[in-house]
Amino acid sequence: MSLGNIFDIAGSGMTAQSLRLNTTASNIANAETASSSIDTTYRARKPVFATIQQSLLNPGQAGTGFAPEGAGAGVRVEGIVESDAELQMRFEPSHPAADEEGYVFYPNVNVVEEMADMMSSSRSFEMNVDVMNTAKSMMQRILTLGQQ
């Protein structure tokens, strides 16, 4: 693995964490949206990530000793899945979105869990930025070695 690949790996991590942060923000924004039916109620969404294998990026370099066999070369988003957790059903007959029985359906969003996800994705994004800055500093130091 070359030093240049670090930028690709950290960049893919930043992209994935940015999507995770956007998904979390969407969940929090819709946490208290009411609906009159189960079918139209917002459901919490979570991104699903997968490792990009080094051998898929550089098929000619597989097994050359540059990277361990099966080494990861970043992350990709497989998709976004909706939570199948039970929706919240509340008896609020005076609510404008109440059904004929007086029930209102609320999303299955746990705001505390979403805040923890937001903090985690923000920290992961910051760590990838730090990796990129460190790699950049290392490359600059390498360029100055020949000048002395």
N, C-alpha and C. Protein backbone atom coordinates (compact mmCIF):
# COMPACT_ATOMS: atom_id res chain seq x y z
N MET A 1 0.85 -1.17 0.00
CA MET A 1 0.00 0.00 0.00
C MET A 1 0.89 1.23 0.00
N SER A 2 0.63 2.13 -0.90
CA SER A 2 1.42 3.35 -0.97
C SER A 2 0.82 4.43 -0.08
N LEU A 3 1.62 5.44 0.17
CA LEU A 3 1.16 6.56 0.99
C LEU A 3 0.00 7.29 0.33
N GLY A 4 -0.03 7.27 -1.00
CA GLY A 4 -1.12 7.92 -1.73
C GLY A 4 -2.47 7.25 -1.53
N ASN A 5 -2.47 5.93 -1.28
CA ASN A 5 -3.73 5.23 -1.05
C ASN A 5 -4.41 5.68 0.23
N ILE A 6 -3.65 6.24 1.15
CA ILE A 6 -4.22 6.69 2.41
C ILE A 6 -5.29 7.75 2.17
N PHE A 7 -5.06 8.60 1.19
CA PHE A 7 -6.04 9.64 0.88
C PHE A 7 -7.34 9.05 0.37
N ASP A 8 -7.24 8.00 -0.44
CA ASP A 8 -8.45 7.32 -0.94
C ASP A 8 -9.21 6.66 0.20
N ILE A 9 -8.48 5.99 1.08
CA ILE A 9 -9.11 5.28 2.19
C ILE A 9 -9.78 6.26 3.14
N ALA A 10 -9.05 7.29 3.55
CA ALA A 10 -9.63 8.28 4.47
C ALA A 10 -10.78 9.03 3.80
N GLY A 11 -10.64 9.31 2.51
CA GLY A 11 -11.72 9.99 1.78
C GLY A 11 -13.00 9.17 1.73
N SER A 12 -12.86 7.87 1.52
CA SER A 12 -14.05 7.01 1.50
C SER A 12 -14.68 6.95 2.88
N GLY A 13 -13.86 6.97 3.91
CA GLY A 13 -14.39 7.00 5.28
C GLY A 13 -15.13 8.30 5.57
N MET A 14 -14.58 9.41 5.09
CA MET A 14 -15.25 10.70 5.29
C MET A 14 -16.58 10.75 4.55
N THR A 15 -16.61 10.20 3.35
CA THR A 15 -17.87 10.17 2.59
C THR A 15 -18.91 9.32 3.31
N ALA A 16 -18.49 8.16 3.81
CA ALA A 16 -19.43 7.27 4.51
C ALA A 16 -19.94 7.92 5.79
N GLN A 17 -19.06 8.56 6.54
CA GLN A 17 -19.49 9.18 7.80
C GLN A 17 -20.36 10.40 7.54
N SER A 18 -20.13 11.08 6.44
CA SER A 18 -20.98 12.21 6.07
C SER A 18 -22.40 11.73 5.77
N LEU A 19 -22.52 10.61 5.06
CA LEU A 19 -23.83 10.04 4.78
C LEU A 19 -24.50 9.58 6.08
N ARG A 20 -23.71 8.97 6.96
CA ARG A 20 -24.25 8.53 8.25
C ARG A 20 -24.77 9.73 9.05
N LEU A 21 -24.03 10.83 9.03
CA LEU A 21 -24.43 12.03 9.74
C LEU A 21 -25.72 12.61 9.14
N ASN A 22 -25.83 12.62 7.83
CA ASN A 22 -27.05 13.10 7.17
C ASN A 22 -28.26 12.22 7.49
N THR A 23 -28.04 10.91 7.52
CA THR A 23 -29.12 9.99 7.86
C THR A 23 -29.58 10.20 9.29
N THR A 24 -28.63 10.39 10.19
CA THR A 24 -28.95 10.63 11.60
C THR A 24 -29.73 11.94 11.74
N ALA A 25 -29.30 12.98 11.04
CA ALA A 25 -30.00 14.26 11.09
C ALA A 25 -31.43 14.12 10.58
N SER A 26 -31.63 13.33 9.54
CA SER A 26 -32.97 13.08 9.02
C SER A 26 -33.84 12.36 10.05
N ASN A 27 -33.24 11.40 10.74
CA ASN A 27 -33.99 10.67 11.77
C ASN A 27 -34.40 11.60 12.90
N ILE A 28 -33.48 12.45 13.35
CA ILE A 28 -33.80 13.37 14.45
C ILE A 28 -34.85 14.38 14.01
N ALA A 29 -34.75 14.86 12.78
CA ALA A 29 -35.72 15.84 12.28
C ALA A 29 -37.13 15.26 12.21
N ASN A 30 -37.23 13.96 11.97
CA ASN A 30 -38.55 13.33 11.85
C ASN A 30 -38.98 12.58 13.10
N ALA A 31 -38.28 12.76 14.20
CA ALA A 31 -38.54 11.98 15.42
C ALA A 31 -39.94 12.19 15.97
N GLU A 32 -40.51 13.36 15.80
CA GLU A 32 -41.83 13.64 16.36
C GLU A 32 -42.89 13.93 15.30
N THR A 33 -42.69 13.44 14.09
CA THR A 33 -43.70 13.62 13.07
C THR A 33 -44.81 12.59 13.27
N ALA A 34 -46.02 13.07 13.32
CA ALA A 34 -47.18 12.22 13.58
C ALA A 34 -47.83 11.80 12.27
N SER A 35 -48.46 10.63 12.30
CA SER A 35 -49.16 10.12 11.13
C SER A 35 -50.41 9.38 11.58
N SER A 36 -51.36 9.27 10.67
CA SER A 36 -52.61 8.60 11.02
C SER A 36 -52.62 7.12 10.63
N SER A 37 -51.57 6.64 9.98
CA SER A 37 -51.52 5.22 9.63
C SER A 37 -50.10 4.69 9.73
N ILE A 38 -49.99 3.39 9.86
CA ILE A 38 -48.68 2.74 9.98
C ILE A 38 -47.90 2.90 8.68
N ASP A 39 -48.58 2.82 7.55
CA ASP A 39 -47.91 2.85 6.25
C ASP A 39 -47.24 4.18 5.93
N THR A 40 -47.78 5.28 6.45
CA THR A 40 -47.24 6.60 6.13
C THR A 40 -46.31 7.14 7.21
N THR A 41 -46.08 6.40 8.27
CA THR A 41 -45.23 6.85 9.37
C THR A 41 -43.76 6.71 8.99
N TYR A 42 -43.00 7.72 9.31
CA TYR A 42 -41.55 7.71 9.07
C TYR A 42 -40.91 6.60 9.90
N ARG A 43 -39.97 5.91 9.31
CA ARG A 43 -39.22 4.86 10.02
C ARG A 43 -37.75 5.25 10.04
N ALA A 44 -37.09 4.99 11.17
CA ALA A 44 -35.67 5.32 11.31
C ALA A 44 -34.86 4.62 10.24
N ARG A 45 -33.85 5.30 9.73
CA ARG A 45 -33.00 4.76 8.68
C ARG A 45 -31.57 4.67 9.18
N LYS A 46 -30.87 3.63 8.72
CA LYS A 46 -29.47 3.42 9.08
C LYS A 46 -28.69 3.04 7.82
N PRO A 47 -27.51 3.64 7.62
CA PRO A 47 -26.67 3.23 6.49
C PRO A 47 -25.96 1.91 6.80
N VAL A 48 -25.72 1.14 5.76
CA VAL A 48 -24.99 -0.12 5.89
C VAL A 48 -23.69 0.03 5.12
N PHE A 49 -22.56 -0.20 5.81
CA PHE A 49 -21.24 -0.05 5.21
C PHE A 49 -20.62 -1.40 4.94
N ALA A 50 -19.71 -1.43 3.96
CA ALA A 50 -18.94 -2.64 3.65
C ALA A 50 -17.52 -2.22 3.32
N THR A 51 -16.59 -3.11 3.57
CA THR A 51 -15.18 -2.85 3.29
C THR A 51 -14.90 -3.02 1.80
N ILE A 52 -14.12 -2.11 1.25
CA ILE A 52 -13.62 -2.26 -0.12
C ILE A 52 -12.29 -2.99 0.03
N GLN A 53 -12.19 -4.14 -0.59
CA GLN A 53 -10.97 -4.94 -0.49
C GLN A 53 -9.88 -4.39 -1.39
N GLN A 54 -8.65 -4.42 -0.91
CA GLN A 54 -7.49 -3.93 -1.66
C GLN A 54 -7.36 -4.65 -3.00
N SER A 55 -7.62 -5.95 -3.00
CA SER A 55 -7.46 -6.72 -4.24
C SER A 55 -8.45 -6.29 -5.32
N LEU A 56 -9.58 -5.69 -4.94
CA LEU A 56 -10.54 -5.21 -5.93
C LEU A 56 -10.07 -3.91 -6.57
N LEU A 57 -9.35 -3.08 -5.80
CA LEU A 57 -8.85 -1.82 -6.35
C LEU A 57 -7.65 -2.03 -7.26
N ASN A 58 -6.73 -2.90 -6.85
CA ASN A 58 -5.49 -3.13 -7.61
C ASN A 58 -5.33 -4.62 -7.86
N PRO A 59 -6.05 -5.20 -8.81
CA PRO A 59 -5.97 -6.64 -9.03
C PRO A 59 -4.57 -7.12 -9.39
N GLY A 60 -3.76 -6.29 -10.02
CA GLY A 60 -2.41 -6.69 -10.42
C GLY A 60 -1.43 -6.74 -9.26
N GLN A 61 -1.77 -6.08 -8.13
CA GLN A 61 -0.86 -6.02 -7.00
C GLN A 61 -1.22 -7.02 -5.91
N ALA A 62 -2.24 -7.83 -6.11
CA ALA A 62 -2.64 -8.78 -5.08
C ALA A 62 -1.51 -9.75 -4.80
N GLY A 63 -1.17 -9.91 -3.55
CA GLY A 63 -0.13 -10.85 -3.15
C GLY A 63 1.28 -10.38 -3.44
N THR A 64 1.51 -9.11 -3.67
CA THR A 64 2.86 -8.62 -3.97
C THR A 64 3.60 -8.16 -2.73
N GLY A 65 2.97 -8.22 -1.58
CA GLY A 65 3.62 -7.81 -0.35
C GLY A 65 3.38 -6.36 0.02
N PHE A 66 2.70 -5.60 -0.85
CA PHE A 66 2.42 -4.20 -0.53
C PHE A 66 1.35 -4.08 0.54
N ALA A 67 0.42 -4.99 0.58
CA ALA A 67 -0.64 -4.97 1.58
C ALA A 67 -0.94 -6.40 2.00
N PRO A 68 -1.29 -6.59 3.26
CA PRO A 68 -1.65 -7.94 3.69
C PRO A 68 -2.82 -8.47 2.88
N GLU A 69 -2.86 -9.78 2.70
CA GLU A 69 -3.95 -10.41 1.94
C GLU A 69 -5.29 -10.06 2.60
N GLY A 70 -6.22 -9.57 1.82
CA GLY A 70 -7.54 -9.21 2.35
C GLY A 70 -7.57 -7.87 3.05
N ALA A 71 -6.53 -7.05 2.87
CA ALA A 71 -6.49 -5.75 3.52
C ALA A 71 -7.58 -4.85 2.96
N GLY A 72 -8.15 -4.05 3.82
CA GLY A 72 -9.18 -3.12 3.39
C GLY A 72 -8.59 -1.91 2.69
N ALA A 73 -9.34 -1.36 1.79
CA ALA A 73 -8.89 -0.18 1.06
C ALA A 73 -9.94 0.92 1.14
N GLY A 74 -10.71 0.91 2.19
CA GLY A 74 -11.73 1.93 2.36
C GLY A 74 -13.07 1.32 2.70
N VAL A 75 -14.07 2.14 2.57
CA VAL A 75 -15.43 1.72 2.90
C VAL A 75 -16.38 2.23 1.83
N ARG A 76 -17.42 1.47 1.59
CA ARG A 76 -18.45 1.92 0.65
C ARG A 76 -19.81 1.73 1.33
N VAL A 77 -20.77 2.46 0.86
CA VAL A 77 -22.12 2.38 1.40
C VAL A 77 -22.88 1.33 0.60
N GLU A 78 -23.31 0.28 1.27
CA GLU A 78 -24.08 -0.78 0.62
C GLU A 78 -25.52 -0.33 0.38
N GLY A 79 -26.02 0.49 1.26
CA GLY A 79 -27.39 0.96 1.14
C GLY A 79 -27.86 1.56 2.44
N ILE A 80 -29.10 1.98 2.44
CA ILE A 80 -29.72 2.53 3.64
C ILE A 80 -30.96 1.68 3.92
N VAL A 81 -31.04 1.16 5.15
CA VAL A 81 -32.15 0.29 5.51
C VAL A 81 -33.05 0.99 6.52
N GLU A 82 -34.32 0.66 6.45
CA GLU A 82 -35.28 1.19 7.42
C GLU A 82 -35.37 0.24 8.60
N SER A 83 -35.49 0.81 9.78
CA SER A 83 -35.61 0.02 10.99
C SER A 83 -36.96 -0.71 11.00
N ASP A 84 -36.93 -1.94 11.48
CA ASP A 84 -38.18 -2.69 11.60
C ASP A 84 -38.69 -2.71 13.04
N ALA A 85 -38.14 -1.84 13.87
CA ALA A 85 -38.61 -1.73 15.25
C ALA A 85 -40.05 -1.23 15.26
N GLU A 86 -40.75 -1.56 16.30
CA GLU A 86 -42.17 -1.21 16.39
C GLU A 86 -42.36 0.30 16.48
N LEU A 87 -43.38 0.79 15.78
CA LEU A 87 -43.71 2.21 15.83
C LEU A 87 -44.42 2.54 17.14
N GLN A 88 -44.38 3.80 17.52
CA GLN A 88 -45.05 4.24 18.74
C GLN A 88 -46.50 4.61 18.40
N MET A 89 -47.41 3.99 19.10
CA MET A 89 -48.83 4.28 18.89
C MET A 89 -49.34 4.94 20.17
N ARG A 90 -49.84 6.18 20.05
CA ARG A 90 -50.31 6.93 21.22
C ARG A 90 -51.79 7.27 21.05
N PHE A 91 -52.50 7.21 22.15
CA PHE A 91 -53.91 7.58 22.14
C PHE A 91 -54.02 9.08 22.36
N GLU A 92 -54.30 9.80 21.27
CA GLU A 92 -54.45 11.26 21.30
C GLU A 92 -55.63 11.64 20.42
N PRO A 93 -56.85 11.46 20.90
CA PRO A 93 -58.03 11.69 20.06
C PRO A 93 -58.19 13.13 19.58
N SER A 94 -57.56 14.09 20.28
CA SER A 94 -57.70 15.49 19.86
C SER A 94 -56.64 15.90 18.83
N HIS A 95 -55.71 15.03 18.53
CA HIS A 95 -54.66 15.35 17.56
C HIS A 95 -55.25 15.36 16.15
N PRO A 96 -54.87 16.33 15.31
CA PRO A 96 -55.43 16.40 13.94
C PRO A 96 -55.10 15.18 13.08
N ALA A 97 -54.02 14.46 13.39
CA ALA A 97 -53.63 13.30 12.59
C ALA A 97 -54.16 11.99 13.19
N ALA A 98 -55.02 12.06 14.19
CA ALA A 98 -55.54 10.85 14.82
C ALA A 98 -56.44 10.08 13.86
N ASP A 99 -56.35 8.74 13.93
CA ASP A 99 -57.22 7.93 13.09
C ASP A 99 -58.62 7.86 13.72
N GLU A 100 -59.50 7.07 13.14
CA GLU A 100 -60.90 7.01 13.61
C GLU A 100 -61.02 6.47 15.03
N GLU A 101 -60.00 5.75 15.51
CA GLU A 101 -60.01 5.23 16.88
C GLU A 101 -59.31 6.17 17.86
N GLY A 102 -58.74 7.27 17.36
CA GLY A 102 -58.08 8.26 18.22
C GLY A 102 -56.59 8.03 18.41
N TYR A 103 -55.99 7.12 17.64
CA TYR A 103 -54.56 6.82 17.78
C TYR A 103 -53.73 7.59 16.75
N VAL A 104 -52.55 7.98 17.19
CA VAL A 104 -51.59 8.66 16.34
C VAL A 104 -50.32 7.82 16.34
N PHE A 105 -49.72 7.65 15.18
CA PHE A 105 -48.50 6.86 15.06
C PHE A 105 -47.29 7.78 14.96
N TYR A 106 -46.26 7.43 15.74
CA TYR A 106 -45.01 8.19 15.75
C TYR A 106 -43.87 7.28 15.31
N PRO A 107 -42.81 7.88 14.75
CA PRO A 107 -41.68 7.08 14.26
C PRO A 107 -40.99 6.28 15.36
N ASN A 108 -40.24 5.28 14.93
CA ASN A 108 -39.47 4.43 15.84
C ASN A 108 -38.05 4.99 16.03
N VAL A 109 -37.95 6.29 16.17
CA VAL A 109 -36.65 6.96 16.32
C VAL A 109 -36.36 7.16 17.80
N ASN A 110 -35.21 6.66 18.24
CA ASN A 110 -34.75 6.88 19.60
C ASN A 110 -33.75 8.03 19.53
N VAL A 111 -34.14 9.20 20.04
CA VAL A 111 -33.32 10.40 19.90
C VAL A 111 -31.99 10.26 20.63
N VAL A 112 -31.97 9.58 21.77
CA VAL A 112 -30.72 9.39 22.51
C VAL A 112 -29.74 8.54 21.69
N GLU A 113 -30.25 7.49 21.10
CA GLU A 113 -29.42 6.64 20.24
C GLU A 113 -28.92 7.40 19.02
N GLU A 114 -29.78 8.23 18.46
CA GLU A 114 -29.39 9.03 17.29
C GLU A 114 -28.31 10.05 17.66
N MET A 115 -28.40 10.64 18.84
CA MET A 115 -27.37 11.58 19.27
C MET A 115 -26.03 10.87 19.46
N ALA A 116 -26.07 9.66 19.99
CA ALA A 116 -24.84 8.87 20.14
C ALA A 116 -24.26 8.55 18.76
N ASP A 117 -25.11 8.20 17.80
CA ASP A 117 -24.65 7.95 16.43
C ASP A 117 -24.05 9.22 15.81
N MET A 118 -24.67 10.36 16.10
CA MET A 118 -24.17 11.62 15.56
C MET A 118 -22.78 11.93 16.11
N MET A 119 -22.60 11.72 17.39
CA MET A 119 -21.29 11.97 18.00
C MET A 119 -20.25 11.00 17.44
N SER A 120 -20.63 9.74 17.28
CA SER A 120 -19.71 8.73 16.75
C SER A 120 -19.31 9.04 15.31
N SER A 121 -20.27 9.40 14.48
CA SER A 121 -19.95 9.70 13.08
C SER A 121 -19.12 10.98 12.97
N SER A 122 -19.40 11.95 13.82
CA SER A 122 -18.61 13.18 13.81
C SER A 122 -17.17 12.90 14.22
N ARG A 123 -16.97 12.08 15.23
CA ARG A 123 -15.61 11.72 15.67
C ARG A 123 -14.88 10.91 14.59
N SER A 124 -15.59 9.99 13.96
CA SER A 124 -14.97 9.20 12.90
C SER A 124 -14.55 10.08 11.73
N PHE A 125 -15.39 11.04 11.39
CA PHE A 125 -15.05 11.99 10.32
C PHE A 125 -13.79 12.75 10.70
N GLU A 126 -13.73 13.25 11.95
CA GLU A 126 -12.56 13.99 12.42
C GLU A 126 -11.30 13.14 12.37
N MET A 127 -11.42 11.86 12.73
CA MET A 127 -10.26 10.98 12.70
C MET A 127 -9.74 10.80 11.28
N ASN A 128 -10.63 10.69 10.32
CA ASN A 128 -10.21 10.56 8.92
C ASN A 128 -9.54 11.84 8.43
N VAL A 129 -10.03 12.99 8.89
CA VAL A 129 -9.38 14.26 8.55
C VAL A 129 -7.97 14.28 9.13
N ASP A 130 -7.82 13.83 10.37
CA ASP A 130 -6.50 13.78 11.00
C ASP A 130 -5.55 12.84 10.25
N VAL A 131 -6.07 11.72 9.78
CA VAL A 131 -5.25 10.78 9.00
C VAL A 131 -4.76 11.46 7.73
N MET A 132 -5.64 12.17 7.06
CA MET A 132 -5.24 12.86 5.83
C MET A 132 -4.20 13.95 6.11
N ASN A 133 -4.40 14.70 7.18
CA ASN A 133 -3.43 15.74 7.52
C ASN A 133 -2.07 15.15 7.89
N THR A 134 -2.06 14.04 8.60
CA THR A 134 -0.81 13.38 8.95
C THR A 134 -0.10 12.87 7.72
N ALA A 135 -0.83 12.25 6.81
CA ALA A 135 -0.23 11.75 5.56
C ALA A 135 0.32 12.91 4.74
N LYS A 136 -0.40 14.01 4.72
CA LYS A 136 0.08 15.19 3.98
C LYS A 136 1.38 15.71 4.60
N SER A 137 1.45 15.77 5.92
CA SER A 137 2.67 16.21 6.60
C SER A 137 3.83 15.27 6.31
N MET A 138 3.55 13.97 6.30
CA MET A 138 4.60 12.99 6.00
C MET A 138 5.13 13.18 4.58
N MET A 139 4.23 13.41 3.64
CA MET A 139 4.66 13.61 2.25
C MET A 139 5.48 14.90 2.11
N GLN A 140 5.10 15.94 2.83
CA GLN A 140 5.87 17.18 2.79
C GLN A 140 7.26 16.98 3.39
N ARG A 141 7.35 16.20 4.46
CA ARG A 141 8.65 15.92 5.08
C ARG A 141 9.54 15.12 4.13
N ILE A 142 8.93 14.20 3.42
CA ILE A 142 9.70 13.38 2.45
C ILE A 142 10.30 14.28 1.38
N LEU A 143 9.53 15.27 0.92
CA LEU A 143 10.03 16.19 -0.11
C LEU A 143 11.17 17.06 0.39
N THR A 144 11.18 17.37 1.67
CA THR A 144 12.24 18.22 2.22
C THR A 144 13.49 17.44 2.56
N LEU A 145 13.45 16.11 2.58
CA LEU A 145 14.63 15.30 2.91
C LEU A 145 15.77 15.52 1.92
N GLY A 146 15.47 15.66 0.68
CA GLY A 146 16.49 15.83 -0.34
C GLY A 146 17.11 17.22 -0.36
N GLN A 147 16.50 18.17 0.31
CA GLN A 147 16.98 19.55 0.30
C GLN A 147 18.10 19.80 1.31
N GLN A 148 18.31 18.91 2.24
CA GLN A 148 19.29 19.15 3.29
C GLN A 148 20.66 18.73 2.94
